[in-house]
PDB file of N, CA and C in Angstrom:
ATOM      1  N   MET A   1       0.819  -1.190  -0.002  1.00  0.00           N
ATOM      2  CA  MET A   1       0.002   0.003   0.000  1.00  0.00           C
ATOM      3  C   MET A   1       0.867   1.274  -0.003  1.00  0.00           C
ATOM      4  N   LYS A   2       1.958   1.228   0.738  1.00  0.00           N
ATOM      5  CA  LYS A   2       2.859   2.382   0.802  1.00  0.00           C
ATOM      6  C   LYS A   2       3.466   2.702  -0.564  1.00  0.00           C
ATOM      7  N   LYS A   3       3.803   1.645  -1.338  1.00  0.00           N
ATOM      8  CA  LYS A   3       4.382   1.850  -2.664  1.00  0.00           C
ATOM      9  C   LYS A   3       3.399   2.514  -3.610  1.00  0.00           C
ATOM     10  N   ILE A   4       2.136   2.118  -3.511  1.00  0.00           N
ATOM     11  CA  ILE A   4       1.093   2.699  -4.375  1.00  0.00           C
ATOM     12  C   ILE A   4       0.883   4.158  -4.010  1.00  0.00           C
ATOM     13  N   THR A   5       0.819   4.450  -2.732  1.00  0.00           N
ATOM     14  CA  THR A   5       0.630   5.832  -2.288  1.00  0.00           C
ATOM     15  C   THR A   5       1.806   6.701  -2.729  1.00  0.00           C
ATOM     16  N   LEU A   6       3.016   6.197  -2.571  1.00  0.00           N
ATOM     17  CA  LEU A   6       4.202   6.941  -2.993  1.00  0.00           C
ATOM     18  C   LEU A   6       4.188   7.180  -4.503  1.00  0.00           C
ATOM     19  N   ALA A   7       3.827   6.147  -5.259  1.00  0.00           N
ATOM     20  CA  ALA A   7       3.778   6.296  -6.721  1.00  0.00           C
ATOM     21  C   ALA A   7       2.749   7.356  -7.131  1.00  0.00           C
ATOM     22  N   LEU A   8       1.605   7.360  -6.487  1.00  0.00           N
ATOM     23  CA  LEU A   8       0.577   8.352  -6.797  1.00  0.00           C
ATOM     24  C   LEU A   8       1.044   9.753  -6.427  1.00  0.00           C
ATOM     25  N   MET A   9       1.730   9.878  -5.308  1.00  0.00           N
ATOM     26  CA  MET A   9       2.226  11.186  -4.888  1.00  0.00           C
ATOM     27  C   MET A   9       3.287  11.709  -5.887  1.00  0.00           C
ATOM     28  N   LEU A  10       4.181  10.813  -6.333  1.00  0.00           N
ATOM     29  CA  LEU A  10       5.199  11.219  -7.290  1.00  0.00           C
ATOM     30  C   LEU A  10       4.584  11.587  -8.630  1.00  0.00           C
ATOM     31  N   ALA A  11       3.570  10.857  -9.055  1.00  0.00           N
ATOM     32  CA  ALA A  11       2.892  11.177 -10.320  1.00  0.00           C
ATOM     33  C   ALA A  11       2.197  12.540 -10.214  1.00  0.00           C
ATOM     34  N   GLY A  12       1.612  12.818  -9.087  1.00  0.00           N
ATOM     35  CA  GLY A  12       0.957  14.109  -8.884  1.00  0.00           C
ATOM     36  C   GLY A  12       1.959  15.250  -8.878  1.00  0.00           C
ATOM     37  N   ALA A  13       3.086  15.040  -8.253  1.00  0.00           N
ATOM     38  CA  ALA A  13       4.133  16.081  -8.221  1.00  0.00           C
ATOM     39  C   ALA A  13       4.682  16.322  -9.625  1.00  0.00           C
ATOM     40  N   ALA A  14       4.871  15.253 -10.378  1.00  0.00           N
ATOM     41  CA  ALA A  14       5.390  15.387 -11.742  1.00  0.00           C
ATOM     42  C   ALA A  14       4.416  16.147 -12.608  1.00  0.00           C
ATOM     43  N   SER A  15       3.129  15.902 -12.462  1.00  0.00           N
ATOM     44  CA  SER A  15       2.151  16.591 -13.289  1.00  0.00           C
ATOM     45  C   SER A  15       2.067  18.082 -12.919  1.00  0.00           C
ATOM     46  N   LEU A  16       2.317  18.411 -11.676  1.00  0.00           N
ATOM     47  CA  LEU A  16       2.326  19.812 -11.273  1.00  0.00           C
ATOM     48  C   LEU A  16       3.529  20.537 -11.860  1.00  0.00           C
ATOM     49  N   ALA A  17       4.626  19.831 -12.008  1.00  0.00           N
ATOM     50  CA  ALA A  17       5.845  20.436 -12.547  1.00  0.00           C
ATOM     51  C   ALA A  17       5.789  20.615 -14.056  1.00  0.00           C
ATOM     52  N   MET A  18       4.946  19.854 -14.722  1.00  0.00           N
ATOM     53  CA  MET A  18       4.865  19.909 -16.179  1.00  0.00           C
ATOM     54  C   MET A  18       4.204  21.217 -16.605  1.00  0.00           C
ATOM     55  N   ALA A  19       4.630  21.721 -17.740  1.00  0.00           N
ATOM     56  CA  ALA A  19       4.078  22.955 -18.258  1.00  0.00           C
ATOM     57  C   ALA A  19       2.628  22.751 -18.675  1.00  0.00           C
ATOM     58  N   ASP A  20       1.817  23.758 -18.487  1.00  0.00           N
ATOM     59  CA  ASP A  20       0.400  23.717 -18.819  1.00  0.00           C
ATOM     60  C   ASP A  20       0.159  24.611 -20.035  1.00  0.00           C
ATOM     61  N   GLY A  21       0.005  24.005 -21.194  1.00  0.00           N
ATOM     62  CA  GLY A  21      -0.182  24.762 -22.428  1.00  0.00           C
ATOM     63  C   GLY A  21      -1.388  25.696 -22.387  1.00  0.00           C
ATOM     64  N   ALA A  22      -2.485  25.244 -21.800  1.00  0.00           N
ATOM     65  CA  ALA A  22      -3.693  26.078 -21.735  1.00  0.00           C
ATOM     66  C   ALA A  22      -3.443  27.322 -20.888  1.00  0.00           C
ATOM     67  N   ALA A  23      -2.751  27.161 -19.788  1.00  0.00           N
ATOM     68  CA  ALA A  23      -2.458  28.306 -18.931  1.00  0.00           C
ATOM     69  C   ALA A  23      -1.491  29.266 -19.624  1.00  0.00           C
ATOM     70  N   LEU A  24      -0.502  28.706 -20.291  1.00  0.00           N
ATOM     71  CA  LEU A  24       0.454  29.537 -21.007  1.00  0.00           C
ATOM     72  C   LEU A  24      -0.195  30.300 -22.146  1.00  0.00           C
ATOM     73  N   PHE A  25      -1.191  29.684 -22.792  1.00  0.00           N
ATOM     74  CA  PHE A  25      -1.836  30.319 -23.950  1.00  0.00           C
ATOM     75  C   PHE A  25      -2.656  31.551 -23.566  1.00  0.00           C
ATOM     76  N   LYS A  26      -3.052  31.660 -22.326  1.00  0.00           N
ATOM     77  CA  LYS A  26      -3.861  32.830 -21.909  1.00  0.00           C
ATOM     78  C   LYS A  26      -3.169  34.129 -22.280  1.00  0.00           C
ATOM     79  N   LYS A  27      -1.855  34.162 -22.197  1.00  0.00           N
ATOM     80  CA  LYS A  27      -1.058  35.344 -22.548  1.00  0.00           C
ATOM     81  C   LYS A  27      -1.135  35.622 -24.046  1.00  0.00           C
ATOM     82  N   CYS A  28      -1.311  34.603 -24.853  1.00  0.00           N
ATOM     83  CA  CYS A  28      -1.347  34.696 -26.310  1.00  0.00           C
ATOM     84  C   CYS A  28      -2.717  35.121 -26.835  1.00  0.00           C
ATOM     85  N   ALA A  29      -3.755  34.768 -26.098  1.00  0.00           N
ATOM     86  CA  ALA A  29      -5.126  34.927 -26.569  1.00  0.00           C
ATOM     87  C   ALA A  29      -5.523  36.373 -26.847  1.00  0.00           C
ATOM     88  N   GLY A  30      -4.895  37.319 -26.180  1.00  0.00           N
ATOM     89  CA  GLY A  30      -5.223  38.714 -26.417  1.00  0.00           C
ATOM     90  C   GLY A  30      -5.037  39.140 -27.859  1.00  0.00           C
ATOM     91  N   CYS A  31      -4.018  38.630 -28.489  1.00  0.00           N
ATOM     92  CA  CYS A  31      -3.745  38.955 -29.888  1.00  0.00           C
ATOM     93  C   CYS A  31      -4.206  37.864 -30.860  1.00  0.00           C
ATOM     94  N   HIS A  32      -4.028  36.619 -30.465  1.00  0.00           N
ATOM     95  CA  HIS A  32      -4.316  35.488 -31.383  1.00  0.00           C
ATOM     96  C   HIS A  32      -5.734  34.960 -31.272  1.00  0.00           C
ATOM     97  N   GLY A  33      -6.498  35.447 -30.288  1.00  0.00           N
ATOM     98  CA  GLY A  33      -7.871  34.965 -30.109  1.00  0.00           C
ATOM     99  C   GLY A  33      -7.916  33.797 -29.144  1.00  0.00           C
ATOM    100  N   ALA A  34      -9.040  33.582 -28.524  1.00  0.00           N
ATOM    101  CA  ALA A  34      -9.212  32.536 -27.503  1.00  0.00           C
ATOM    102  C   ALA A  34      -8.953  31.149 -28.060  1.00  0.00           C
ATOM    103  N   HIS A  35      -9.124  30.981 -29.361  1.00  0.00           N
ATOM    104  CA  HIS A  35      -8.914  29.682 -29.983  1.00  0.00           C
ATOM    105  C   HIS A  35      -7.830  29.734 -31.068  1.00  0.00           C
ATOM    106  N   GLY A  36      -6.970  30.757 -31.005  1.00  0.00           N
ATOM    107  CA  GLY A  36      -5.903  30.906 -31.992  1.00  0.00           C
ATOM    108  C   GLY A  36      -6.410  31.209 -33.382  1.00  0.00           C
ATOM    109  N   GLU A  37      -7.622  31.743 -33.459  1.00  0.00           N
ATOM    110  CA  GLU A  37      -8.322  31.938 -34.751  1.00  0.00           C
ATOM    111  C   GLU A  37      -8.093  33.289 -35.419  1.00  0.00           C
ATOM    112  N   LYS A  38      -7.384  34.190 -34.738  1.00  0.00           N
ATOM    113  CA  LYS A  38      -7.229  35.542 -35.275  1.00  0.00           C
ATOM    114  C   LYS A  38      -5.843  35.763 -35.899  1.00  0.00           C
ATOM    115  N   HIS A  39      -5.786  36.658 -36.856  1.00  0.00           N
ATOM    116  CA  HIS A  39      -4.525  37.140 -37.399  1.00  0.00           C
ATOM    117  C   HIS A  39      -4.063  38.216 -36.393  1.00  0.00           C
ATOM    118  N   ALA A  40      -3.078  37.886 -35.575  1.00  0.00           N
ATOM    119  CA  ALA A  40      -2.638  38.786 -34.509  1.00  0.00           C
ATOM    120  C   ALA A  40      -2.254  40.145 -35.073  1.00  0.00           C
ATOM    121  N   LEU A  41      -2.880  41.188 -34.538  1.00  0.00           N
ATOM    122  CA  LEU A  41      -2.647  42.558 -34.965  1.00  0.00           C
ATOM    123  C   LEU A  41      -2.805  42.721 -36.482  1.00  0.00           C
ATOM    124  N   GLY A  42      -3.608  41.836 -37.074  1.00  0.00           N
ATOM    125  CA  GLY A  42      -3.877  41.880 -38.504  1.00  0.00           C
ATOM    126  C   GLY A  42      -2.683  41.503 -39.354  1.00  0.00           C
ATOM    127  N   LYS A  43      -1.638  40.914 -38.741  1.00  0.00           N
ATOM    128  CA  LYS A  43      -0.401  40.636 -39.460  1.00  0.00           C
ATOM    129  C   LYS A  43      -0.062  39.147 -39.553  1.00  0.00           C
ATOM    130  N   SER A  44      -0.236  38.432 -38.492  1.00  0.00           N
ATOM    131  CA  SER A  44       0.258  37.040 -38.456  1.00  0.00           C
ATOM    132  C   SER A  44      -0.738  36.076 -39.095  1.00  0.00           C
ATOM    133  N   ALA A  45      -0.251  34.883 -39.311  1.00  0.00           N
ATOM    134  CA  ALA A  45      -1.111  33.784 -39.758  1.00  0.00           C
ATOM    135  C   ALA A  45      -1.982  33.328 -38.589  1.00  0.00           C
ATOM    136  N   VAL A  46      -3.086  32.683 -38.904  1.00  0.00           N
ATOM    137  CA  VAL A  46      -3.894  32.030 -37.857  1.00  0.00           C
ATOM    138  C   VAL A  46      -3.044  30.871 -37.341  1.00  0.00           C
ATOM    139  N   ILE A  47      -2.927  30.771 -36.008  1.00  0.00           N
ATOM    140  CA  ILE A  47      -2.036  29.754 -35.458  1.00  0.00           C
ATOM    141  C   ILE A  47      -2.760  28.474 -35.054  1.00  0.00           C
ATOM    142  N   ALA A  48      -4.062  28.492 -34.904  1.00  0.00           N
ATOM    143  CA  ALA A  48      -4.813  27.299 -34.488  1.00  0.00           C
ATOM    144  C   ALA A  48      -4.514  26.146 -35.428  1.00  0.00           C
ATOM    145  N   GLY A  49      -4.149  25.003 -34.855  1.00  0.00           N
ATOM    146  CA  GLY A  49      -3.938  23.818 -35.629  1.00  0.00           C
ATOM    147  C   GLY A  49      -2.601  23.717 -36.333  1.00  0.00           C
ATOM    148  N   MET A  50      -1.741  24.710 -36.175  1.00  0.00           N
ATOM    149  CA  MET A  50      -0.422  24.670 -36.828  1.00  0.00           C
ATOM    150  C   MET A  50       0.362  23.440 -36.351  1.00  0.00           C
ATOM    151  N   ASP A  51       1.307  23.028 -37.146  1.00  0.00           N
ATOM    152  CA  ASP A  51       2.178  21.911 -36.845  1.00  0.00           C
ATOM    153  C   ASP A  51       3.009  22.196 -35.591  1.00  0.00           C
ATOM    154  N   VAL A  52       3.111  21.236 -34.701  1.00  0.00           N
ATOM    155  CA  VAL A  52       3.853  21.397 -33.440  1.00  0.00           C
ATOM    156  C   VAL A  52       5.287  21.817 -33.696  1.00  0.00           C
ATOM    157  N   ALA A  53       5.977  21.134 -34.619  1.00  0.00           N
ATOM    158  CA  ALA A  53       7.368  21.433 -34.887  1.00  0.00           C
ATOM    159  C   ALA A  53       7.561  22.857 -35.387  1.00  0.00           C
ATOM    160  N   THR A  54       6.654  23.331 -36.221  1.00  0.00           N
ATOM    161  CA  THR A  54       6.738  24.705 -36.743  1.00  0.00           C
ATOM    162  C   THR A  54       6.541  25.716 -35.630  1.00  0.00           C
ATOM    163  N   ILE A  55       5.580  25.477 -34.777  1.00  0.00           N
ATOM    164  CA  ILE A  55       5.303  26.386 -33.668  1.00  0.00           C
ATOM    165  C   ILE A  55       6.523  26.451 -32.755  1.00  0.00           C
ATOM    166  N   GLU A  56       7.065  25.293 -32.400  1.00  0.00           N
ATOM    167  CA  GLU A  56       8.249  25.255 -31.541  1.00  0.00           C
ATOM    168  C   GLU A  56       9.409  26.015 -32.177  1.00  0.00           C
ATOM    169  N   LYS A  57       9.679  25.774 -33.444  1.00  0.00           N
ATOM    170  CA  LYS A  57      10.780  26.420 -34.146  1.00  0.00           C
ATOM    171  C   LYS A  57      10.572  27.936 -34.155  1.00  0.00           C
ATOM    172  N   ASP A  58       9.344  28.358 -34.446  1.00  0.00           N
ATOM    173  CA  ASP A  58       9.067  29.798 -34.476  1.00  0.00           C
ATOM    174  C   ASP A  58       9.216  30.433 -33.088  1.00  0.00           C
ATOM    175  N   LEU A  59       8.659  29.813 -32.063  1.00  0.00           N
ATOM    176  CA  LEU A  59       8.764  30.371 -30.721  1.00  0.00           C
ATOM    177  C   LEU A  59      10.214  30.457 -30.262  1.00  0.00           C
ATOM    178  N   LYS A  60      10.988  29.437 -30.577  1.00  0.00           N
ATOM    179  CA  LYS A  60      12.431  29.472 -30.200  1.00  0.00           C
ATOM    180  C   LYS A  60      13.155  30.548 -30.992  1.00  0.00           C
ATOM    181  N   GLY A  61      12.780  30.745 -32.253  1.00  0.00           N
ATOM    182  CA  GLY A  61      13.360  31.801 -33.066  1.00  0.00           C
ATOM    183  C   GLY A  61      13.035  33.184 -32.530  1.00  0.00           C
ATOM    184  N   TYR A  62      11.781  33.362 -32.122  1.00  0.00           N
ATOM    185  CA  TYR A  62      11.390  34.655 -31.504  1.00  0.00           C
ATOM    186  C   TYR A  62      12.164  34.865 -30.214  1.00  0.00           C
ATOM    187  N   LYS A  63      12.271  33.830 -29.394  1.00  0.00           N
ATOM    188  CA  LYS A  63      12.976  33.943 -28.112  1.00  0.00           C
ATOM    189  C   LYS A  63      14.444  34.309 -28.322  1.00  0.00           C
ATOM    190  N   ALA A  64      15.061  33.713 -29.328  1.00  0.00           N
ATOM    191  CA  ALA A  64      16.472  33.977 -29.622  1.00  0.00           C
ATOM    192  C   ALA A  64      16.688  35.321 -30.331  1.00  0.00           C
ATOM    193  N   GLY A  65      15.616  35.900 -30.830  1.00  0.00           N
ATOM    194  CA  GLY A  65      15.712  37.154 -31.549  1.00  0.00           C
ATOM    195  C   GLY A  65      16.145  36.983 -32.991  1.00  0.00           C
ATOM    196  N   THR A  66      16.052  35.753 -33.499  1.00  0.00           N
ATOM    197  CA  THR A  66      16.472  35.468 -34.880  1.00  0.00           C
ATOM    198  C   THR A  66      15.289  35.399 -35.854  1.00  0.00           C
ATOM    199  N   LEU A  67      14.070  35.538 -35.378  1.00  0.00           N
ATOM    200  CA  LEU A  67      12.887  35.473 -36.236  1.00  0.00           C
ATOM    201  C   LEU A  67      12.113  36.792 -36.137  1.00  0.00           C
ATOM    202  N   ASN A  68      11.712  37.288 -37.273  1.00  0.00           N
ATOM    203  CA  ASN A  68      10.963  38.552 -37.315  1.00  0.00           C
ATOM    204  C   ASN A  68       9.854  38.490 -38.364  1.00  0.00           C
ATOM    205  N   LYS A  69       9.014  37.455 -38.276  1.00  0.00           N
ATOM    206  CA  LYS A  69       7.903  37.308 -39.206  1.00  0.00           C
ATOM    207  C   LYS A  69       6.972  38.497 -39.110  1.00  0.00           C
ATOM    208  N   HIS A  70       6.631  39.076 -40.238  1.00  0.00           N
ATOM    209  CA  HIS A  70       5.669  40.169 -40.321  1.00  0.00           C
ATOM    210  C   HIS A  70       6.037  41.360 -39.426  1.00  0.00           C
ATOM    211  N   GLY A  71       7.330  41.506 -39.139  1.00  0.00           N
ATOM    212  CA  GLY A  71       7.784  42.598 -38.295  1.00  0.00           C
ATOM    213  C   GLY A  71       7.415  42.453 -36.828  1.00  0.00           C
ATOM    214  N   MET A  72       7.075  41.256 -36.402  1.00  0.00           N
ATOM    215  CA  MET A  72       6.617  41.025 -35.040  1.00  0.00           C
ATOM    216  C   MET A  72       7.692  40.463 -34.106  1.00  0.00           C
ATOM    217  N   GLY A  73       8.924  40.435 -34.590  1.00  0.00           N
ATOM    218  CA  GLY A  73      10.005  39.820 -33.816  1.00  0.00           C
ATOM    219  C   GLY A  73      10.200  40.374 -32.416  1.00  0.00           C
ATOM    220  N   MET A  74      10.298  41.690 -32.298  1.00  0.00           N
ATOM    221  CA  MET A  74      10.559  42.276 -30.990  1.00  0.00           C
ATOM    222  C   MET A  74       9.375  42.096 -30.046  1.00  0.00           C
ATOM    223  N   LEU A  75       8.169  42.256 -30.557  1.00  0.00           N
ATOM    224  CA  LEU A  75       6.990  42.051 -29.726  1.00  0.00           C
ATOM    225  C   LEU A  75       6.941  40.617 -29.229  1.00  0.00           C
ATOM    226  N   MET A  76       7.134  39.667 -30.151  1.00  0.00           N
ATOM    227  CA  MET A  76       7.062  38.255 -29.770  1.00  0.00           C
ATOM    228  C   MET A  76       8.231  37.860 -28.849  1.00  0.00           C
ATOM    229  N   LYS A  77       9.398  38.438 -29.078  1.00  0.00           N
ATOM    230  CA  LYS A  77      10.543  38.130 -28.199  1.00  0.00           C
ATOM    231  C   LYS A  77      10.188  38.450 -26.759  1.00  0.00           C
ATOM    232  N   GLY A  78       9.552  39.576 -26.548  1.00  0.00           N
ATOM    233  CA  GLY A  78       9.133  39.936 -25.196  1.00  0.00           C
ATOM    234  C   GLY A  78       8.094  38.985 -24.635  1.00  0.00           C
ATOM    235  N   GLN A  79       7.230  38.485 -25.485  1.00  0.00           N
ATOM    236  CA  GLN A  79       6.172  37.591 -25.018  1.00  0.00           C
ATOM    237  C   GLN A  79       6.702  36.208 -24.643  1.00  0.00           C
ATOM    238  N   VAL A  80       7.742  35.745 -25.326  1.00  0.00           N
ATOM    239  CA  VAL A  80       8.213  34.379 -25.096  1.00  0.00           C
ATOM    240  C   VAL A  80       9.514  34.308 -24.297  1.00  0.00           C
ATOM    241  N   ALA A  81      10.070  35.437 -23.936  1.00  0.00           N
ATOM    242  CA  ALA A  81      11.375  35.491 -23.256  1.00  0.00           C
ATOM    243  C   ALA A  81      11.473  34.599 -22.033  1.00  0.00           C
ATOM    244  N   SER A  82      10.427  34.499 -21.271  1.00  0.00           N
ATOM    245  CA  SER A  82      10.488  33.727 -20.011  1.00  0.00           C
ATOM    246  C   SER A  82      10.113  32.253 -20.173  1.00  0.00           C
ATOM    247  N   LEU A  83       9.774  31.826 -21.383  1.00  0.00           N
ATOM    248  CA  LEU A  83       9.344  30.449 -21.587  1.00  0.00           C
ATOM    249  C   LEU A  83      10.548  29.499 -21.619  1.00  0.00           C
ATOM    250  N   SER A  84      10.397  28.382 -20.915  1.00  0.00           N
ATOM    251  CA  SER A  84      11.425  27.328 -20.979  1.00  0.00           C
ATOM    252  C   SER A  84      11.143  26.472 -22.207  1.00  0.00           C
ATOM    253  N   ASP A  85      12.057  25.556 -22.526  1.00  0.00           N
ATOM    254  CA  ASP A  85      11.838  24.637 -23.632  1.00  0.00           C
ATOM    255  C   ASP A  85      10.586  23.774 -23.378  1.00  0.00           C
ATOM    256  N   ALA A  86      10.379  23.392 -22.121  1.00  0.00           N
ATOM    257  CA  ALA A  86       9.198  22.582 -21.766  1.00  0.00           C
ATOM    258  C   ALA A  86       7.931  23.415 -21.959  1.00  0.00           C
ATOM    259  N   ASP A  87       7.983  24.697 -21.597  1.00  0.00           N
ATOM    260  CA  ASP A  87       6.839  25.586 -21.789  1.00  0.00           C
ATOM    261  C   ASP A  87       6.526  25.720 -23.279  1.00  0.00           C
ATOM    262  N   ILE A  88       7.559  25.895 -24.088  1.00  0.00           N
ATOM    263  CA  ILE A  88       7.384  26.050 -25.539  1.00  0.00           C
ATOM    264  C   ILE A  88       6.752  24.803 -26.120  1.00  0.00           C
ATOM    265  N   LYS A  89       7.212  23.625 -25.696  1.00  0.00           N
ATOM    266  CA  LYS A  89       6.648  22.360 -26.195  1.00  0.00           C
ATOM    267  C   LYS A  89       5.179  22.246 -25.800  1.00  0.00           C
ATOM    268  N   ALA A  90       4.872  22.523 -24.535  1.00  0.00           N
ATOM    269  CA  ALA A  90       3.487  22.428 -24.077  1.00  0.00           C
ATOM    270  C   ALA A  90       2.594  23.418 -24.802  1.00  0.00           C
ATOM    271  N   LEU A  91       3.099  24.613 -25.011  1.00  0.00           N
ATOM    272  CA  LEU A  91       2.332  25.643 -25.725  1.00  0.00           C
ATOM    273  C   LEU A  91       2.104  25.246 -27.167  1.00  0.00           C
ATOM    274  N   ALA A  92       3.132  24.715 -27.817  1.00  0.00           N
ATOM    275  CA  ALA A  92       3.020  24.267 -29.206  1.00  0.00           C
ATOM    276  C   ALA A  92       1.990  23.148 -29.334  1.00  0.00           C
ATOM    277  N   GLU A  93       2.026  22.195 -28.444  1.00  0.00           N
ATOM    278  CA  GLU A  93       1.070  21.099 -28.469  1.00  0.00           C
ATOM    279  C   GLU A  93      -0.359  21.606 -28.237  1.00  0.00           C
ATOM    280  N   TYR A  94      -0.506  22.554 -27.335  1.00  0.00           N
ATOM    281  CA  TYR A  94      -1.823  23.122 -27.068  1.00  0.00           C
ATOM    282  C   TYR A  94      -2.350  23.866 -28.298  1.00  0.00           C
ATOM    283  N   ILE A  95      -1.535  24.692 -28.898  1.00  0.00           N
ATOM    284  CA  ILE A  95      -1.951  25.472 -30.083  1.00  0.00           C
ATOM    285  C   ILE A  95      -2.296  24.522 -31.221  1.00  0.00           C
ATOM    286  N   HIS A  96      -1.514  23.471 -31.399  1.00  0.00           N
ATOM    287  CA  HIS A  96      -1.794  22.486 -32.447  1.00  0.00           C
ATOM    288  C   HIS A  96      -3.209  21.894 -32.286  1.00  0.00           C
ATOM    289  N   GLY A  97      -3.614  21.701 -31.050  1.00  0.00           N
ATOM    290  CA  GLY A  97      -4.909  21.092 -30.763  1.00  0.00           C
ATOM    291  C   GLY A  97      -6.095  22.057 -30.897  1.00  0.00           C
ATOM    292  N   LEU A  98      -5.837  23.334 -31.063  1.00  0.00           N
ATOM    293  CA  LEU A  98      -6.913  24.306 -31.185  1.00  0.00           C
ATOM    294  C   LEU A  98      -7.569  24.183 -32.559  1.00  0.00           C
ATOM    295  N   LYS A  99      -8.846  24.378 -32.595  1.00  0.00           N
ATOM    296  CA  LYS A  99      -9.567  24.326 -33.885  1.00  0.00           C
ATOM    297  C   LYS A  99     -10.440  25.536 -34.008  1.00  0.00           C
TER     298      LYS A  99
END
């Protein structure tokens, strides 16, 4: 019984430590829409349903300051600066699932 309780506690702690794509997306929704359905500031592509790898690559490019799609590089760099690689992955997976 102790092993089962310990395993459940560890699983719960691990899930708390994992990035939450839905929570992270709240910051994005102001420009991209609640479901990623908007062209942010009338410039960007609709991001809902985009490929996970593309989203990750773009977010990492914005964070590094090497991507400036539609002149949004500096704005996006500020938005993603604090995201970890795990956050970026969780966010990309969440955005991919939006319809």
